[in-house]
Amino acid sequence: MNKWVLKVYANIAIALFFLSFTSRAENDAGNKAIDSLINYETVKYFNNEDFEAEQYNKSLIKYEEASLKTSQSLALLNFGQNAIFSTALSAVMLLAARYFAFIAKCRLKTFF
């Protein structure tokens, strides 16, 4: 029972860890866009459009990188979970087949 609790906790912790990076980067990009729109007159007055656009592009690049890292880490996590599940399922199927073939002496004609 403790292994399952640990596994669930680890999966949630890993997912939240990487999602927090994506969330922060997305918030930063959104804040830059809203700030530049609210202060449009000031940006225009000081001829600062290129600087604001560059800052927004940097924020979008950070968001894209964080999003890719999150997607990759969650894909790796899913692969690991599927590998564990498939290995356990195969082992149980082999144990069941061994039981029916050698211990219970069941053949196909037993079932039909």
C-alpha atoms as a PDB file:
ATOM      1  CA  MET A   1       0.000   0.000   0.000  1.00  0.00           C
ATOM      2  CA  ASN A   2       2.820   2.406   0.842  1.00  0.00           C
ATOM      3  CA  LYS A   3       4.392   1.924  -2.600  1.00  0.00           C
ATOM      4  CA  TRP A   4       1.194   3.086  -4.268  1.00  0.00           C
ATOM      5  CA  VAL A   5       0.947   6.158  -2.083  1.00  0.00           C
ATOM      6  CA  LEU A   6       4.583   6.983  -2.808  1.00  0.00           C
ATOM      7  CA  LYS A   7       4.081   6.450  -6.552  1.00  0.00           C
ATOM      8  CA  VAL A   8       0.992   8.677  -6.668  1.00  0.00           C
ATOM      9  CA  TYR A   9       2.726  11.356  -4.616  1.00  0.00           C
ATOM     10  CA  ALA A  10       5.831  11.254  -6.854  1.00  0.00           C
ATOM     11  CA  ASN A  11       3.742  11.512 -10.025  1.00  0.00           C
ATOM     12  CA  ILE A  12       1.772  14.468  -8.728  1.00  0.00           C
ATOM     13  CA  ALA A  13       4.907  16.208  -7.434  1.00  0.00           C
ATOM     14  CA  ILE A  14       6.738  15.800 -10.754  1.00  0.00           C
ATOM     15  CA  ALA A  15       3.759  17.008 -12.774  1.00  0.00           C
ATOM     16  CA  LEU A  16       3.203  20.050 -10.553  1.00  0.00           C
ATOM     17  CA  PHE A  17       6.908  20.886 -10.534  1.00  0.00           C
ATOM     18  CA  PHE A  18       7.083  21.184 -14.314  1.00  0.00           C
ATOM     19  CA  LEU A  19       3.659  22.761 -14.657  1.00  0.00           C
ATOM     20  CA  SER A  20       4.692  25.530 -12.272  1.00  0.00           C
ATOM     21  CA  PHE A  21       7.471  26.578 -14.670  1.00  0.00           C
ATOM     22  CA  THR A  22       5.021  26.737 -17.543  1.00  0.00           C
ATOM     23  CA  SER A  23       2.506  28.661 -15.471  1.00  0.00           C
ATOM     24  CA  ARG A  24       5.078  31.245 -14.386  1.00  0.00           C
ATOM     25  CA  ALA A  25       6.349  31.735 -17.941  1.00  0.00           C
ATOM     26  CA  GLU A  26       2.798  32.063 -19.280  1.00  0.00           C
ATOM     27  CA  ASN A  27       1.922  34.623 -16.596  1.00  0.00           C
ATOM     28  CA  ASP A  28       5.063  36.600 -17.375  1.00  0.00           C
ATOM     29  CA  ALA A  29       4.248  36.718 -21.104  1.00  0.00           C
ATOM     30  CA  GLY A  30       0.668  37.751 -20.394  1.00  0.00           C
ATOM     31  CA  ASN A  31       1.765  40.441 -17.965  1.00  0.00           C
ATOM     32  CA  LYS A  32       4.192  41.902 -20.501  1.00  0.00           C
ATOM     33  CA  ALA A  33       1.478  42.033 -23.168  1.00  0.00           C
ATOM     34  CA  ILE A  34      -1.069  43.645 -20.875  1.00  0.00           C
ATOM     35  CA  ASP A  35       1.478  46.112 -19.487  1.00  0.00           C
ATOM     36  CA  SER A  36       2.503  47.249 -22.952  1.00  0.00           C
ATOM     37  CA  LEU A  37      -1.141  47.651 -23.994  1.00  0.00           C
ATOM     38  CA  ILE A  38      -2.066  49.618 -20.880  1.00  0.00           C
ATOM     39  CA  ASN A  39       0.961  51.887 -21.255  1.00  0.00           C
ATOM     40  CA  TYR A  40       0.584  52.236 -25.021  1.00  0.00           C
ATOM     41  CA  GLU A  41       0.810  56.031 -25.011  1.00  0.00           C
ATOM     42  CA  THR A  42       3.937  56.047 -22.850  1.00  0.00           C
ATOM     43  CA  VAL A  43       5.625  53.421 -25.006  1.00  0.00           C
ATOM     44  CA  LYS A  44       4.684  55.353 -28.139  1.00  0.00           C
ATOM     45  CA  TYR A  45       5.781  58.705 -26.685  1.00  0.00           C
ATOM     46  CA  PHE A  46       9.258  57.435 -25.792  1.00  0.00           C
ATOM     47  CA  ASN A  47       9.564  55.486 -29.072  1.00  0.00           C
ATOM     48  CA  ASN A  48      10.047  52.250 -27.137  1.00  0.00           C
ATOM     49  CA  GLU A  49       8.034  49.835 -29.304  1.00  0.00           C
ATOM     50  CA  ASP A  50      11.062  47.785 -30.357  1.00  0.00           C
ATOM     51  CA  PHE A  51      12.200  47.318 -26.764  1.00  0.00           C
ATOM     52  CA  GLU A  52       8.729  46.235 -25.635  1.00  0.00           C
ATOM     53  CA  ALA A  53       8.421  43.857 -28.584  1.00  0.00           C
ATOM     54  CA  GLU A  54      11.818  42.349 -27.750  1.00  0.00           C
ATOM     55  CA  GLN A  55      10.838  41.892 -24.101  1.00  0.00           C
ATOM     56  CA  TYR A  56       7.579  40.227 -25.137  1.00  0.00           C
ATOM     57  CA  ASN A  57       9.420  37.915 -27.550  1.00  0.00           C
ATOM     58  CA  LYS A  58      11.824  36.914 -24.767  1.00  0.00           C
ATOM     59  CA  SER A  59       8.869  36.091 -22.543  1.00  0.00           C
ATOM     60  CA  LEU A  60       7.262  34.031 -25.292  1.00  0.00           C
ATOM     61  CA  ILE A  61      10.509  32.123 -25.869  1.00  0.00           C
ATOM     62  CA  LYS A  62      10.717  31.330 -22.132  1.00  0.00           C
ATOM     63  CA  TYR A  63       7.110  30.157 -22.219  1.00  0.00           C
ATOM     64  CA  GLU A  64       7.751  27.969 -25.257  1.00  0.00           C
ATOM     65  CA  GLU A  65      10.812  26.378 -23.638  1.00  0.00           C
ATOM     66  CA  ALA A  66       8.961  25.748 -20.372  1.00  0.00           C
ATOM     67  CA  SER A  67       6.016  24.276 -22.262  1.00  0.00           C
ATOM     68  CA  LEU A  68       8.275  21.920 -24.213  1.00  0.00           C
ATOM     69  CA  LYS A  69      10.073  20.819 -21.039  1.00  0.00           C
ATOM     70  CA  THR A  70       6.740  20.163 -19.361  1.00  0.00           C
ATOM     71  CA  SER A  71       5.445  18.163 -22.321  1.00  0.00           C
ATOM     72  CA  GLN A  72       8.638  16.128 -22.523  1.00  0.00           C
ATOM     73  CA  SER A  73       8.745  15.396 -18.810  1.00  0.00           C
ATOM     74  CA  LEU A  74       5.089  14.358 -18.718  1.00  0.00           C
ATOM     75  CA  ALA A  75       5.640  12.143 -21.776  1.00  0.00           C
ATOM     76  CA  LEU A  76       8.594  10.507 -20.027  1.00  0.00           C
ATOM     77  CA  LEU A  77       6.509  10.057 -16.892  1.00  0.00           C
ATOM     78  CA  ASN A  78       3.710   8.440 -18.916  1.00  0.00           C
ATOM     79  CA  PHE A  79       6.221   6.177 -20.677  1.00  0.00           C
ATOM     80  CA  GLY A  80       7.589   5.017 -17.331  1.00  0.00           C
ATOM     81  CA  GLN A  81       4.125   4.342 -15.964  1.00  0.00           C
ATOM     82  CA  ASN A  82       3.135   2.397 -19.089  1.00  0.00           C
ATOM     83  CA  ALA A  83       6.358   0.380 -18.985  1.00  0.00           C
ATOM     84  CA  ILE A  84       5.751  -0.571 -15.342  1.00  0.00           C
ATOM     85  CA  PHE A  85       2.111  -1.445 -16.014  1.00  0.00           C
ATOM     86  CA  SER A  86       2.908  -3.476 -19.154  1.00  0.00           C
ATOM     87  CA  THR A  87       5.693  -5.389 -17.419  1.00  0.00           C
ATOM     88  CA  ALA A  88       3.463  -6.243 -14.465  1.00  0.00           C
ATOM     89  CA  LEU A  89       0.584  -7.263 -16.738  1.00  0.00           C
ATOM     90  CA  SER A  90       2.872  -9.494 -18.812  1.00  0.00           C
ATOM     91  CA  ALA A  91       4.242 -11.127 -15.668  1.00  0.00           C
ATOM     92  CA  VAL A  92       0.743 -11.837 -14.357  1.00  0.00           C
ATOM     93  CA  MET A  93      -0.311 -13.265 -17.720  1.00  0.00           C
ATOM     94  CA  LEU A  94       2.743 -15.549 -17.779  1.00  0.00           C
ATOM     95  CA  LEU A  95       2.060 -16.698 -14.214  1.00  0.00           C
ATOM     96  CA  ALA A  96      -1.570 -17.413 -15.089  1.00  0.00           C
ATOM     97  CA  ALA A  97      -0.577 -19.306 -18.234  1.00  0.00           C
ATOM     98  CA  ARG A  98       1.983 -21.321 -16.266  1.00  0.00           C
ATOM     99  CA  TYR A  99      -0.601 -22.129 -13.623  1.00  0.00           C
ATOM    100  CA  PHE A 100      -3.217 -23.296 -16.114  1.00  0.00           C
ATOM    101  CA  ALA A 101      -0.750 -25.245 -18.274  1.00  0.00           C
ATOM    102  CA  PHE A 102       1.361 -27.009 -15.652  1.00  0.00           C
ATOM    103  CA  ILE A 103      -0.330 -26.899 -12.263  1.00  0.00           C
ATOM    104  CA  ALA A 104      -4.040 -27.087 -13.078  1.00  0.00           C
ATOM    105  CA  LYS A 105      -3.377 -29.272 -16.154  1.00  0.00           C
ATOM    106  CA  CYS A 106      -6.021 -27.340 -18.092  1.00  0.00           C
ATOM    107  CA  ARG A 107      -6.133 -27.649 -21.846  1.00  0.00           C
ATOM    108  CA  LEU A 108      -8.326 -25.894 -24.387  1.00  0.00           C
ATOM    109  CA  LYS A 109     -10.795 -28.772 -24.406  1.00  0.00           C
ATOM    110  CA  THR A 110     -11.429 -28.097 -20.701  1.00  0.00           C
ATOM    111  CA  PHE A 111     -13.023 -24.758 -21.575  1.00  0.00           C
ATOM    112  CA  PHE A 112     -15.009 -25.893 -24.644  1.00  0.00           C
END
